[in-house]
Amino acid sequence: EENVPVVGFDLAGRPIRQGFPTITFVWDILDQAKMTALMDAWDP
């Protein structure tokens, strides 16, 4: 997971965050059927 990015700091030194969080899912290995299912679930 990546938190909302810090774009600067206010006068008190607290971070100012803007945007949305991001998450990256990782598979070490997928066989052909599971990779096809993943690609079919992703709709460009």
PDB file of all heavy atoms in Angstrom:
ATOM      1  N   GLU A   1       0.833  -1.189   0.000  1.00  0.00           N
ATOM      2  CA  GLU A   1       0.000   0.000   0.000  1.00  0.00           C
ATOM      3  C   GLU A   1       0.874   1.247   0.000  1.00  0.00           C
ATOM      4  O   GLU A   1       1.914   1.276   0.645  1.00  0.00           O
ATOM      5  CB  GLU A   1      -0.896   0.026   1.230  1.00  0.00           C
ATOM      6  CG  GLU A   1      -1.923  -1.089   1.256  1.00  0.00           C
ATOM      7  CD  GLU A   1      -2.793  -1.027   2.481  1.00  0.00           C
ATOM      8  OE1 GLU A   1      -3.732  -0.215   2.506  1.00  0.00           O
ATOM      9  OE2 GLU A   1      -2.525  -1.804   3.400  1.00  0.00           O
ATOM     10  N   GLU A   2       0.439   2.248  -0.738  1.00  0.00           N
ATOM     11  CA  GLU A   2       1.104   3.549  -0.734  1.00  0.00           C
ATOM     12  C   GLU A   2       0.075   4.563  -0.261  1.00  0.00           C
ATOM     13  O   GLU A   2      -1.015   4.666  -0.823  1.00  0.00           O
ATOM     14  CB  GLU A   2       1.600   3.912  -2.132  1.00  0.00           C
ATOM     15  CG  GLU A   2       2.610   2.939  -2.687  1.00  0.00           C
ATOM     16  CD  GLU A   2       2.902   3.185  -4.159  1.00  0.00           C
ATOM     17  OE1 GLU A   2       2.834   4.346  -4.601  1.00  0.00           O
ATOM     18  OE2 GLU A   2       3.189   2.199  -4.848  1.00  0.00           O
ATOM     19  N   ASN A   3       0.410   5.317   0.769  1.00  0.00           N
ATOM     20  CA  ASN A   3      -0.514   6.289   1.331  1.00  0.00           C
ATOM     21  C   ASN A   3      -0.704   7.471   0.395  1.00  0.00           C
ATOM     22  O   ASN A   3      -0.018   7.605  -0.611  1.00  0.00           O
ATOM     23  CB  ASN A   3      -0.022   6.769   2.693  1.00  0.00           C
ATOM     24  CG  ASN A   3      -0.079   5.662   3.722  1.00  0.00           C
ATOM     25  OD1 ASN A   3      -0.956   4.817   3.675  1.00  0.00           O
ATOM     26  ND2 ASN A   3       0.866   5.654   4.642  1.00  0.00           N
ATOM     27  N   VAL A   4      -1.621   8.345   0.767  1.00  0.00           N
ATOM     28  CA  VAL A   4      -1.851   9.565   0.001  1.00  0.00           C
ATOM     29  C   VAL A   4      -0.549  10.361  -0.038  1.00  0.00           C
ATOM     30  O   VAL A   4       0.088  10.562   1.002  1.00  0.00           O
ATOM     31  CB  VAL A   4      -2.980  10.396   0.645  1.00  0.00           C
ATOM     32  CG1 VAL A   4      -3.183  11.690  -0.101  1.00  0.00           C
ATOM     33  CG2 VAL A   4      -4.262   9.584   0.704  1.00  0.00           C
ATOM     34  N   PRO A   5      -0.115  10.795  -1.217  1.00  0.00           N
ATOM     35  CA  PRO A   5       1.182  11.482  -1.324  1.00  0.00           C
ATOM     36  C   PRO A   5       1.226  12.812  -0.559  1.00  0.00           C
ATOM     37  O   PRO A   5       0.231  13.531  -0.483  1.00  0.00           O
ATOM     38  CB  PRO A   5       1.332  11.738  -2.826  1.00  0.00           C
ATOM     39  CG  PRO A   5       0.249  10.989  -3.496  1.00  0.00           C
ATOM     40  CD  PRO A   5      -0.773  10.624  -2.497  1.00  0.00           C
ATOM     41  N   VAL A   6       2.394  13.124  -0.020  1.00  0.00           N
ATOM     42  CA  VAL A   6       2.632  14.414   0.639  1.00  0.00           C
ATOM     43  C   VAL A   6       3.065  15.409  -0.439  1.00  0.00           C
ATOM     44  O   VAL A   6       4.000  15.152  -1.189  1.00  0.00           O
ATOM     45  CB  VAL A   6       3.730  14.284   1.725  1.00  0.00           C
ATOM     46  CG1 VAL A   6       4.065  15.639   2.314  1.00  0.00           C
ATOM     47  CG2 VAL A   6       3.298  13.313   2.804  1.00  0.00           C
ATOM     48  N   VAL A   7       2.348  16.535  -0.516  1.00  0.00           N
ATOM     49  CA  VAL A   7       2.665  17.543  -1.537  1.00  0.00           C
ATOM     50  C   VAL A   7       3.358  18.769  -0.949  1.00  0.00           C
ATOM     51  O   VAL A   7       3.788  19.652  -1.678  1.00  0.00           O
ATOM     52  CB  VAL A   7       1.394  17.979  -2.313  1.00  0.00           C
ATOM     53  CG1 VAL A   7       0.834  16.812  -3.100  1.00  0.00           C
ATOM     54  CG2 VAL A   7       0.350  18.554  -1.367  1.00  0.00           C
ATOM     55  N   GLY A   8       3.462  18.820   0.372  1.00  0.00           N
ATOM     56  CA  GLY A   8       4.122  19.956   1.017  1.00  0.00           C
ATOM     57  C   GLY A   8       3.901  19.903   2.518  1.00  0.00           C
ATOM     58  O   GLY A   8       3.421  18.899   3.052  1.00  0.00           O
ATOM     59  N   PHE A   9       4.256  20.982   3.185  1.00  0.00           N
ATOM     60  CA  PHE A   9       4.108  21.072   4.632  1.00  0.00           C
ATOM     61  C   PHE A   9       3.498  22.414   4.988  1.00  0.00           C
ATOM     62  O   PHE A   9       3.773  23.431   4.324  1.00  0.00           O
ATOM     63  CB  PHE A   9       5.474  20.915   5.315  1.00  0.00           C
ATOM     64  CG  PHE A   9       6.081  19.555   5.092  1.00  0.00           C
ATOM     65  CD1 PHE A   9       6.912  19.327   4.002  1.00  0.00           C
ATOM     66  CD2 PHE A   9       5.798  18.510   5.940  1.00  0.00           C
ATOM     67  CE1 PHE A   9       7.452  18.078   3.774  1.00  0.00           C
ATOM     68  CE2 PHE A   9       6.341  17.252   5.719  1.00  0.00           C
ATOM     69  CZ  PHE A   9       7.168  17.028   4.636  1.00  0.00           C
ATOM     70  N   ASP A  10       2.667  22.425   6.054  1.00  0.00           N
ATOM     71  CA  ASP A  10       2.098  23.691   6.497  1.00  0.00           C
ATOM     72  C   ASP A  10       3.097  24.423   7.384  1.00  0.00           C
ATOM     73  O   ASP A  10       4.223  23.942   7.595  1.00  0.00           O
ATOM     74  CB  ASP A  10       0.754  23.470   7.194  1.00  0.00           C
ATOM     75  CG  ASP A  10       0.851  22.644   8.471  1.00  0.00           C
ATOM     76  OD1 ASP A  10       1.976  22.450   8.976  1.00  0.00           O
ATOM     77  OD2 ASP A  10      -0.193  22.192   8.948  1.00  0.00           O
ATOM     78  N   LEU A  11       2.702  25.577   7.895  1.00  0.00           N
ATOM     79  CA  LEU A  11       3.626  26.399   8.694  1.00  0.00           C
ATOM     80  C   LEU A  11       4.050  25.724   9.990  1.00  0.00           C
ATOM     81  O   LEU A  11       5.106  26.033  10.533  1.00  0.00           O
ATOM     82  CB  LEU A  11       2.994  27.765   8.985  1.00  0.00           C
ATOM     83  CG  LEU A  11       2.768  28.637   7.744  1.00  0.00           C
ATOM     84  CD1 LEU A  11       2.031  29.905   8.115  1.00  0.00           C
ATOM     85  CD2 LEU A  11       4.081  28.953   7.061  1.00  0.00           C
ATOM     86  N   ALA A  12       3.230  24.792  10.480  1.00  0.00           N
ATOM     87  CA  ALA A  12       3.580  24.069  11.701  1.00  0.00           C
ATOM     88  C   ALA A  12       4.444  22.846  11.412  1.00  0.00           C
ATOM     89  O   ALA A  12       4.837  22.134  12.324  1.00  0.00           O
ATOM     90  CB  ALA A  12       2.310  23.641  12.433  1.00  0.00           C
ATOM     91  N   GLY A  13       4.737  22.600  10.140  1.00  0.00           N
ATOM     92  CA  GLY A  13       5.574  21.468   9.767  1.00  0.00           C
ATOM     93  C   GLY A  13       4.822  20.168   9.558  1.00  0.00           C
ATOM     94  O   GLY A  13       5.429  19.124   9.342  1.00  0.00           O
ATOM     95  N   ARG A  14       3.476  20.218   9.615  1.00  0.00           N
ATOM     96  CA  ARG A  14       2.669  19.008   9.383  1.00  0.00           C
ATOM     97  C   ARG A  14       2.545  18.761   7.877  1.00  0.00           C
ATOM     98  O   ARG A  14       2.408  19.707   7.102  1.00  0.00           O
ATOM     99  CB  ARG A  14       1.288  19.168  10.016  1.00  0.00           C
ATOM    100  CG  ARG A  14       1.325  19.231  11.533  1.00  0.00           C
ATOM    101  CD  ARG A  14      -0.096  19.279  12.089  1.00  0.00           C
ATOM    102  NE  ARG A  14      -0.791  20.477  11.609  1.00  0.00           N
ATOM    103  CZ  ARG A  14      -0.943  21.597  12.322  1.00  0.00           C
ATOM    104  NH1 ARG A  14      -0.463  21.679  13.545  1.00  0.00           N
ATOM    105  NH2 ARG A  14      -1.600  22.628  11.817  1.00  0.00           N
ATOM    106  N   PRO A  15       2.577  17.510   7.462  1.00  0.00           N
ATOM    107  CA  PRO A  15       2.484  17.214   6.026  1.00  0.00           C
ATOM    108  C   PRO A  15       1.101  17.539   5.467  1.00  0.00           C
ATOM    109  O   PRO A  15       0.086  17.349   6.133  1.00  0.00           O
ATOM    110  CB  PRO A  15       2.776  15.723   5.938  1.00  0.00           C
ATOM    111  CG  PRO A  15       2.519  15.185   7.293  1.00  0.00           C
ATOM    112  CD  PRO A  15       2.751  16.303   8.269  1.00  0.00           C
ATOM    113  N   ILE A  16       1.076  18.042   4.249  1.00  0.00           N
ATOM    114  CA  ILE A  16      -0.159  18.278   3.507  1.00  0.00           C
ATOM    115  C   ILE A  16      -0.265  17.168   2.473  1.00  0.00           C
ATOM    116  O   ILE A  16       0.626  17.000   1.644  1.00  0.00           O
ATOM    117  CB  ILE A  16      -0.140  19.656   2.819  1.00  0.00           C
ATOM    118  CG1 ILE A  16      -0.013  20.765   3.851  1.00  0.00           C
ATOM    119  CG2 ILE A  16      -1.393  19.833   1.964  1.00  0.00           C
ATOM    120  CD1 ILE A  16       0.245  22.133   3.242  1.00  0.00           C
ATOM    121  N   ARG A  17      -1.349  16.404   2.551  1.00  0.00           N
ATOM    122  CA  ARG A  17      -1.544  15.271   1.645  1.00  0.00           C
ATOM    123  C   ARG A  17      -2.623  15.606   0.628  1.00  0.00           C
ATOM    124  O   ARG A  17      -3.612  16.253   0.961  1.00  0.00           O
ATOM    125  CB  ARG A  17      -1.922  14.021   2.427  1.00  0.00           C
ATOM    126  CG  ARG A  17      -0.829  13.577   3.378  1.00  0.00           C
ATOM    127  CD  ARG A  17      -1.205  12.296   4.110  1.00  0.00           C
ATOM    128  NE  ARG A  17      -0.159  11.880   5.002  1.00  0.00           N
ATOM    129  CZ  ARG A  17       0.886  11.141   4.653  1.00  0.00           C
ATOM    130  NH1 ARG A  17       1.008  10.748   3.402  1.00  0.00           N
ATOM    131  NH2 ARG A  17       1.788  10.802   5.528  1.00  0.00           N
ATOM    132  N   GLN A  18      -2.400  15.158  -0.601  1.00  0.00           N
ATOM    133  CA  GLN A  18      -3.368  15.409  -1.659  1.00  0.00           C
ATOM    134  C   GLN A  18      -3.391  14.212  -2.596  1.00  0.00           C
ATOM    135  O   GLN A  18      -2.335  13.697  -2.978  1.00  0.00           O
ATOM    136  CB  GLN A  18      -3.000  16.671  -2.430  1.00  0.00           C
ATOM    137  CG  GLN A  18      -3.993  17.060  -3.481  1.00  0.00           C
ATOM    138  CD  GLN A  18      -3.613  18.372  -4.147  1.00  0.00           C
ATOM    139  OE1 GLN A  18      -2.661  19.029  -3.756  1.00  0.00           O
ATOM    140  NE2 GLN A  18      -4.361  18.737  -5.167  1.00  0.00           N
ATOM    141  N   GLY A  19      -4.579  13.790  -2.972  1.00  0.00           N
ATOM    142  CA  GLY A  19      -4.719  12.663  -3.884  1.00  0.00           C
ATOM    143  C   GLY A  19      -5.383  11.481  -3.212  1.00  0.00           C
ATOM    144  O   GLY A  19      -6.130  11.632  -2.253  1.00  0.00           O
ATOM    145  N   PHE A  20      -5.084  10.301  -3.713  1.00  0.00           N
ATOM    146  CA  PHE A  20      -5.699   9.069  -3.230  1.00  0.00           C
ATOM    147  C   PHE A  20      -4.618   8.035  -2.945  1.00  0.00           C
ATOM    148  O   PHE A  20      -3.547   8.068  -3.543  1.00  0.00           O
ATOM    149  CB  PHE A  20      -6.645   8.485  -4.295  1.00  0.00           C
ATOM    150  CG  PHE A  20      -7.851   9.331  -4.574  1.00  0.00           C
ATOM    151  CD1 PHE A  20      -7.812  10.331  -5.531  1.00  0.00           C
ATOM    152  CD2 PHE A  20      -9.020   9.133  -3.869  1.00  0.00           C
ATOM    153  CE1 PHE A  20      -8.920  11.107  -5.804  1.00  0.00           C
ATOM    154  CE2 PHE A  20     -10.139   9.907  -4.119  1.00  0.00           C
ATOM    155  CZ  PHE A  20     -10.086  10.895  -5.088  1.00  0.00           C
ATOM    156  N   PRO A  21      -4.905   7.076  -2.055  1.00  0.00           N
ATOM    157  CA  PRO A  21      -3.948   5.988  -1.842  1.00  0.00           C
ATOM    158  C   PRO A  21      -3.900   5.045  -3.048  1.00  0.00           C
ATOM    159  O   PRO A  21      -4.801   5.024  -3.874  1.00  0.00           O
ATOM    160  CB  PRO A  21      -4.481   5.274  -0.601  1.00  0.00           C
ATOM    161  CG  PRO A  21      -5.906   5.664  -0.488  1.00  0.00           C
ATOM    162  CD  PRO A  21      -6.064   6.989  -1.170  1.00  0.00           C
ATOM    163  N   THR A  22      -2.823   4.270  -3.126  1.00  0.00           N
ATOM    164  CA  THR A  22      -2.596   3.308  -4.209  1.00  0.00           C
ATOM    165  C   THR A  22      -2.212   1.976  -3.579  1.00  0.00           C
ATOM    166  O   THR A  22      -1.613   1.933  -2.510  1.00  0.00           O
ATOM    167  CB  THR A  22      -1.452   3.812  -5.116  1.00  0.00           C
ATOM    168  OG1 THR A  22      -1.838   5.043  -5.684  1.00  0.00           O
ATOM    169  CG2 THR A  22      -1.146   2.830  -6.223  1.00  0.00           C
ATOM    170  N   ILE A  23      -2.557   0.899  -4.261  1.00  0.00           N
ATOM    171  CA  ILE A  23      -2.164  -0.426  -3.787  1.00  0.00           C
ATOM    172  C   ILE A  23      -1.700  -1.241  -4.988  1.00  0.00           C
ATOM    173  O   ILE A  23      -2.273  -1.139  -6.077  1.00  0.00           O
ATOM    174  CB  ILE A  23      -3.338  -1.109  -3.037  1.00  0.00           C
ATOM    175  CG1 ILE A  23      -2.901  -2.374  -2.324  1.00  0.00           C
ATOM    176  CG2 ILE A  23      -4.490  -1.390  -3.951  1.00  0.00           C
ATOM    177  CD1 ILE A  23      -3.932  -2.899  -1.343  1.00  0.00           C
ATOM    178  N   THR A  24      -0.623  -2.009  -4.812  1.00  0.00           N
ATOM    179  CA  THR A  24      -0.097  -2.862  -5.873  1.00  0.00           C
ATOM    180  C   THR A  24      -0.148  -4.312  -5.399  1.00  0.00           C
ATOM    181  O   THR A  24       0.443  -4.647  -4.373  1.00  0.00           O
ATOM    182  CB  THR A  24       1.347  -2.475  -6.230  1.00  0.00           C
ATOM    183  OG1 THR A  24       1.380  -1.099  -6.604  1.00  0.00           O
ATOM    184  CG2 THR A  24       1.872  -3.320  -7.382  1.00  0.00           C
ATOM    185  N   PHE A  25      -0.887  -5.140  -6.134  1.00  0.00           N
ATOM    186  CA  PHE A  25      -0.977  -6.566  -5.832  1.00  0.00           C
ATOM    187  C   PHE A  25       0.073  -7.297  -6.642  1.00  0.00           C
ATOM    188  O   PHE A  25       0.293  -6.985  -7.816  1.00  0.00           O
ATOM    189  CB  PHE A  25      -2.368  -7.099  -6.180  1.00  0.00           C
ATOM    190  CG  PHE A  25      -3.464  -6.480  -5.371  1.00  0.00           C
ATOM    191  CD1 PHE A  25      -4.187  -5.404  -5.865  1.00  0.00           C
ATOM    192  CD2 PHE A  25      -3.761  -6.958  -4.115  1.00  0.00           C
ATOM    193  CE1 PHE A  25      -5.195  -4.821  -5.121  1.00  0.00           C
ATOM    194  CE2 PHE A  25      -4.760  -6.381  -3.355  1.00  0.00           C
ATOM    195  CZ  PHE A  25      -5.486  -5.310  -3.861  1.00  0.00           C
ATOM    196  N   VAL A  26       0.737  -8.278  -6.025  1.00  0.00           N
ATOM    197  CA  VAL A  26       1.832  -8.998  -6.685  1.00  0.00           C
ATOM    198  C   VAL A  26       1.604 -10.495  -6.574  1.00  0.00           C
ATOM    199  O   VAL A  26       1.258 -11.009  -5.512  1.00  0.00           O
ATOM    200  CB  VAL A  26       3.188  -8.633  -6.034  1.00  0.00           C
ATOM    201  CG1 VAL A  26       4.317  -9.400  -6.696  1.00  0.00           C
ATOM    202  CG2 VAL A  26       3.443  -7.148  -6.111  1.00  0.00           C
ATOM    203  N   TRP A  27       1.785 -11.177  -7.698  1.00  0.00           N
ATOM    204  CA  TRP A  27       1.769 -12.638  -7.735  1.00  0.00           C
ATOM    205  C   TRP A  27       3.165 -13.104  -8.116  1.00  0.00           C
ATOM    206  O   TRP A  27       3.733 -12.614  -9.100  1.00  0.00           O
ATOM    207  CB  TRP A  27       0.777 -13.149  -8.778  1.00  0.00           C
ATOM    208  CG  TRP A  27      -0.659 -12.931  -8.439  1.00  0.00           C
ATOM    209  CD1 TRP A  27      -1.501 -13.822  -7.845  1.00  0.00           C
ATOM    210  CD2 TRP A  27      -1.439 -11.748  -8.669  1.00  0.00           C
ATOM    211  NE1 TRP A  27      -2.751 -13.267  -7.704  1.00  0.00           N
ATOM    212  CE2 TRP A  27      -2.735 -11.993  -8.195  1.00  0.00           C
ATOM    213  CE3 TRP A  27      -1.160 -10.495  -9.236  1.00  0.00           C
ATOM    214  CZ2 TRP A  27      -3.750 -11.054  -8.270  1.00  0.00           C
ATOM    215  CZ3 TRP A  27      -2.167  -9.555  -9.301  1.00  0.00           C
ATOM    216  CH2 TRP A  27      -3.447  -9.828  -8.832  1.00  0.00           C
ATOM    217  N   ASP A  28       3.728 -14.056  -7.384  1.00  0.00           N
ATOM    218  CA  ASP A  28       5.037 -14.605  -7.726  1.00  0.00           C
ATOM    219  C   ASP A  28       4.945 -15.410  -9.019  1.00  0.00           C
ATOM    220  O   ASP A  28       5.833 -15.355  -9.860  1.00  0.00           O
ATOM    221  CB  ASP A  28       5.569 -15.505  -6.607  1.00  0.00           C
ATOM    222  CG  ASP A  28       5.862 -14.723  -5.341  1.00  0.00           C
ATOM    223  OD1 ASP A  28       6.157 -13.511  -5.442  1.00  0.00           O
ATOM    224  OD2 ASP A  28       5.774 -15.305  -4.249  1.00  0.00           O
ATOM    225  N   ILE A  29       3.869 -16.177  -9.140  1.00  0.00           N
ATOM    226  CA  ILE A  29       3.716 -17.038 -10.319  1.00  0.00           C
ATOM    227  C   ILE A  29       2.222 -17.270 -10.563  1.00  0.00           C
ATOM    228  O   ILE A  29       1.450 -17.439  -9.625  1.00  0.00           O
ATOM    229  CB  ILE A  29       4.448 -18.389 -10.108  1.00  0.00           C
ATOM    230  CG1 ILE A  29       4.353 -19.237 -11.363  1.00  0.00           C
ATOM    231  CG2 ILE A  29       3.940 -19.125  -8.892  1.00  0.00           C
ATOM    232  CD1 ILE A  29       5.228 -20.475 -11.323  1.00  0.00           C
ATOM    233  N   LEU A  30       1.825 -17.211 -11.825  1.00  0.00           N
ATOM    234  CA  LEU A  30       0.456 -17.530 -12.228  1.00  0.00           C
ATOM    235  C   LEU A  30       0.519 -18.475 -13.424  1.00  0.00           C
ATOM    236  O   LEU A  30       1.331 -18.278 -14.324  1.00  0.00           O
ATOM    237  CB  LEU A  30      -0.307 -16.267 -12.648  1.00  0.00           C
ATOM    238  CG  LEU A  30      -0.740 -15.299 -11.553  1.00  0.00           C
ATOM    239  CD1 LEU A  30      -1.399 -14.067 -12.177  1.00  0.00           C
ATOM    240  CD2 LEU A  30      -1.697 -15.955 -10.584  1.00  0.00           C
ATOM    241  N   ASP A  31      -0.342 -19.494 -13.421  1.00  0.00           N
ATOM    242  CA  ASP A  31      -0.390 -20.339 -14.612  1.00  0.00           C
ATOM    243  C   ASP A  31      -1.256 -19.656 -15.682  1.00  0.00           C
ATOM    244  O   ASP A  31      -1.833 -18.591 -15.443  1.00  0.00           O
ATOM    245  CB  ASP A  31      -0.883 -21.746 -14.280  1.00  0.00           C
ATOM    246  CG  ASP A  31      -2.307 -21.781 -13.752  1.00  0.00           C
ATOM    247  OD1 ASP A  31      -3.073 -20.824 -13.964  1.00  0.00           O
ATOM    248  OD2 ASP A  31      -2.664 -22.798 -13.116  1.00  0.00           O
ATOM    249  N   GLN A  32      -1.324 -20.238 -16.856  1.00  0.00           N
ATOM    250  CA  GLN A  32      -2.015 -19.617 -17.982  1.00  0.00           C
ATOM    251  C   GLN A  32      -3.480 -19.325 -17.663  1.00  0.00           C
ATOM    252  O   GLN A  32      -3.993 -18.250 -17.965  1.00  0.00           O
ATOM    253  CB  GLN A  32      -1.921 -20.520 -19.213  1.00  0.00           C
ATOM    254  CG  GLN A  32      -2.558 -19.932 -20.453  1.00  0.00           C
ATOM    255  CD  GLN A  32      -1.798 -18.757 -21.028  1.00  0.00           C
ATOM    256  OE1 GLN A  32      -0.613 -18.877 -21.285  1.00  0.00           O
ATOM    257  NE2 GLN A  32      -2.462 -17.634 -21.232  1.00  0.00           N
ATOM    258  N   ALA A  33      -4.169 -20.275 -17.022  1.00  0.00           N
ATOM    259  CA  ALA A  33      -5.601 -20.099 -16.734  1.00  0.00           C
ATOM    260  C   ALA A  33      -5.830 -18.945 -15.759  1.00  0.00           C
ATOM    261  O   ALA A  33      -6.743 -18.136 -15.936  1.00  0.00           O
ATOM    262  CB  ALA A  33      -6.182 -21.394 -16.174  1.00  0.00           C
ATOM    263  N   LYS A  34      -4.996 -18.847 -14.724  1.00  0.00           N
ATOM    264  CA  LYS A  34      -5.169 -17.774 -13.734  1.00  0.00           C
ATOM    265  C   LYS A  34      -4.783 -16.414 -14.309  1.00  0.00           C
ATOM    266  O   LYS A  34      -5.402 -15.395 -14.002  1.00  0.00           O
ATOM    267  CB  LYS A  34      -4.371 -18.096 -12.477  1.00  0.00           C
ATOM    268  CG  LYS A  34      -4.974 -19.262 -11.710  1.00  0.00           C
ATOM    269  CD  LYS A  34      -4.122 -19.691 -10.562  1.00  0.00           C
ATOM    270  CE  LYS A  34      -4.760 -20.883  -9.862  1.00  0.00           C
ATOM    271  NZ  LYS A  34      -3.876 -21.498  -8.893  1.00  0.00           N
ATOM    272  N   MET A  35      -3.771 -16.381 -15.182  1.00  0.00           N
ATOM    273  CA  MET A  35      -3.395 -15.124 -15.822  1.00  0.00           C
ATOM    274  C   MET A  35      -4.496 -14.677 -16.779  1.00  0.00           C
ATOM    275  O   MET A  35      -4.822 -13.492 -16.851  1.00  0.00           O
ATOM    276  CB  MET A  35      -2.071 -15.294 -16.575  1.00  0.00           C
ATOM    277  CG  MET A  35      -1.544 -14.013 -17.164  1.00  0.00           C
ATOM    278  SD  MET A  35      -1.054 -12.826 -15.893  1.00  0.00           S
ATOM    279  CE  MET A  35      -0.893 -11.348 -16.879  1.00  0.00           C
ATOM    280  N   THR A  36      -5.103 -15.616 -17.492  1.00  0.00           N
ATOM    281  CA  THR A  36      -6.208 -15.289 -18.389  1.00  0.00           C
ATOM    282  C   THR A  36      -7.388 -14.740 -17.599  1.00  0.00           C
ATOM    283  O   THR A  36      -8.025 -13.768 -18.007  1.00  0.00           O
ATOM    284  CB  THR A  36      -6.644 -16.529 -19.196  1.00  0.00           C
ATOM    285  OG1 THR A  36      -5.523 -16.983 -19.966  1.00  0.00           O
ATOM    286  CG2 THR A  36      -7.804 -16.232 -20.115  1.00  0.00           C
ATOM    287  N   ALA A  37      -7.681 -15.342 -16.436  1.00  0.00           N
ATOM    288  CA  ALA A  37      -8.772 -14.847 -15.589  1.00  0.00           C
ATOM    289  C   ALA A  37      -8.490 -13.425 -15.106  1.00  0.00           C
ATOM    290  O   ALA A  37      -9.396 -12.581 -15.071  1.00  0.00           O
ATOM    291  CB  ALA A  37      -8.972 -15.783 -14.393  1.00  0.00           C
ATOM    292  N   LEU A  38      -7.246 -13.151 -14.765  1.00  0.00           N
ATOM    293  CA  LEU A  38      -6.876 -11.800 -14.322  1.00  0.00           C
ATOM    294  C   LEU A  38      -7.051 -10.803 -15.460  1.00  0.00           C
ATOM    295  O   LEU A  38      -7.622  -9.720 -15.276  1.00  0.00           O
ATOM    296  CB  LEU A  38      -5.431 -11.794 -13.814  1.00  0.00           C
ATOM    297  CG  LEU A  38      -4.889 -10.444 -13.353  1.00  0.00           C
ATOM    298  CD1 LEU A  38      -5.689  -9.895 -12.185  1.00  0.00           C
ATOM    299  CD2 LEU A  38      -3.429 -10.563 -12.974  1.00  0.00           C
ATOM    300  N   MET A  39      -6.586 -11.148 -16.659  1.00  0.00           N
ATOM    301  CA  MET A  39      -6.722 -10.247 -17.800  1.00  0.00           C
ATOM    302  C   MET A  39      -8.182 -10.063 -18.199  1.00  0.00           C
ATOM    303  O   MET A  39      -8.584  -8.975 -18.606  1.00  0.00           O
ATOM    304  CB  MET A  39      -5.912 -10.769 -18.990  1.00  0.00           C
ATOM    305  CG  MET A  39      -4.410 -10.726 -18.790  1.00  0.00           C
ATOM    306  SD  MET A  39      -3.765  -9.073 -18.461  1.00  0.00           S
ATOM    307  CE  MET A  39      -4.044  -8.256 -20.020  1.00  0.00           C
ATOM    308  N   ASP A  40      -8.994 -11.111 -18.077  1.00  0.00           N
ATOM    309  CA  ASP A  40     -10.417 -10.991 -18.407  1.00  0.00           C
ATOM    310  C   ASP A  40     -11.157 -10.117 -17.400  1.00  0.00           C
ATOM    311  O   ASP A  40     -12.136  -9.460 -17.747  1.00  0.00           O
ATOM    312  CB  ASP A  40     -11.077 -12.371 -18.463  1.00  0.00           C
ATOM    313  CG  ASP A  40     -10.682 -13.154 -19.704  1.00  0.00           C
ATOM    314  OD1 ASP A  40     -10.110 -12.545 -20.637  1.00  0.00           O
ATOM    315  OD2 ASP A  40     -10.927 -14.368 -19.723  1.00  0.00           O
ATOM    316  N   ALA A  41     -10.706 -10.110 -16.152  1.00  0.00           N
ATOM    317  CA  ALA A  41     -11.351  -9.289 -15.121  1.00  0.00           C
ATOM    318  C   ALA A  41     -10.982  -7.824 -15.268  1.00  0.00           C
ATOM    319  O   ALA A  41     -11.718  -6.952 -14.819  1.00  0.00           O
ATOM    320  CB  ALA A  41     -10.957  -9.786 -13.731  1.00  0.00           C
ATOM    321  N   TRP A  42      -9.833  -7.539 -15.897  1.00  0.00           N
ATOM    322  CA  TRP A  42      -9.409  -6.157 -16.133  1.00  0.00           C
ATOM    323  C   TRP A  42      -9.995  -5.688 -17.452  1.00  0.00           C
ATOM    324  O   TRP A  42      -9.762  -6.286 -18.495  1.00  0.00           O
ATOM    325  CB  TRP A  42      -7.878  -6.065 -16.158  1.00  0.00           C
ATOM    326  CG  TRP A  42      -7.407  -4.697 -16.521  1.00  0.00           C
ATOM    327  CD1 TRP A  42      -7.404  -3.602 -15.701  1.00  0.00           C
ATOM    328  CD2 TRP A  42      -6.889  -4.270 -17.775  1.00  0.00           C
ATOM    329  NE1 TRP A  42      -6.924  -2.513 -16.389  1.00  0.00           N
ATOM    330  CE2 TRP A  42      -6.592  -2.893 -17.670  1.00  0.00           C
ATOM    331  CE3 TRP A  42      -6.640  -4.899 -18.989  1.00  0.00           C
ATOM    332  CZ2 TRP A  42      -6.065  -2.148 -18.711  1.00  0.00           C
ATOM    333  CZ3 TRP A  42      -6.131  -4.155 -20.036  1.00  0.00           C
ATOM    334  CH2 TRP A  42      -5.834  -2.804 -19.888  1.00  0.00           C
ATOM    335  N   ASP A  43     -10.790  -4.620 -17.402  1.00  0.00           N
ATOM    336  CA  ASP A  43     -11.456  -4.119 -18.603  1.00  0.00           C
ATOM    337  C   ASP A  43     -10.857  -2.772 -18.998  1.00  0.00           C
ATOM    338  O   ASP A  43     -11.063  -1.772 -18.307  1.00  0.00           O
ATOM    339  CB  ASP A  43     -12.958  -3.969 -18.325  1.00  0.00           C
ATOM    340  CG  ASP A  43     -13.739  -3.510 -19.535  1.00  0.00           C
ATOM    341  OD1 ASP A  43     -13.141  -3.355 -20.621  1.00  0.00           O
ATOM    342  OD2 ASP A  43     -14.951  -3.300 -19.392  1.00  0.00           O
ATOM    343  N   PRO A  44     -10.113  -2.706 -20.103  1.00  0.00           N
ATOM    344  CA  PRO A  44      -9.493  -1.437 -20.501  1.00  0.00           C
ATOM    345  C   PRO A  44     -10.501  -0.356 -20.877  1.00  0.00           C
ATOM    346  O   PRO A  44     -10.194   0.826 -20.805  1.00  0.00           O
ATOM    347  CB  PRO A  44      -8.624  -1.816 -21.705  1.00  0.00           C
ATOM    348  CG  PRO A  44      -9.188  -3.094 -22.205  1.00  0.00           C
ATOM    349  CD  PRO A  44      -9.809  -3.788 -21.029  1.00  0.00           C
TER     350      PRO A  44
END
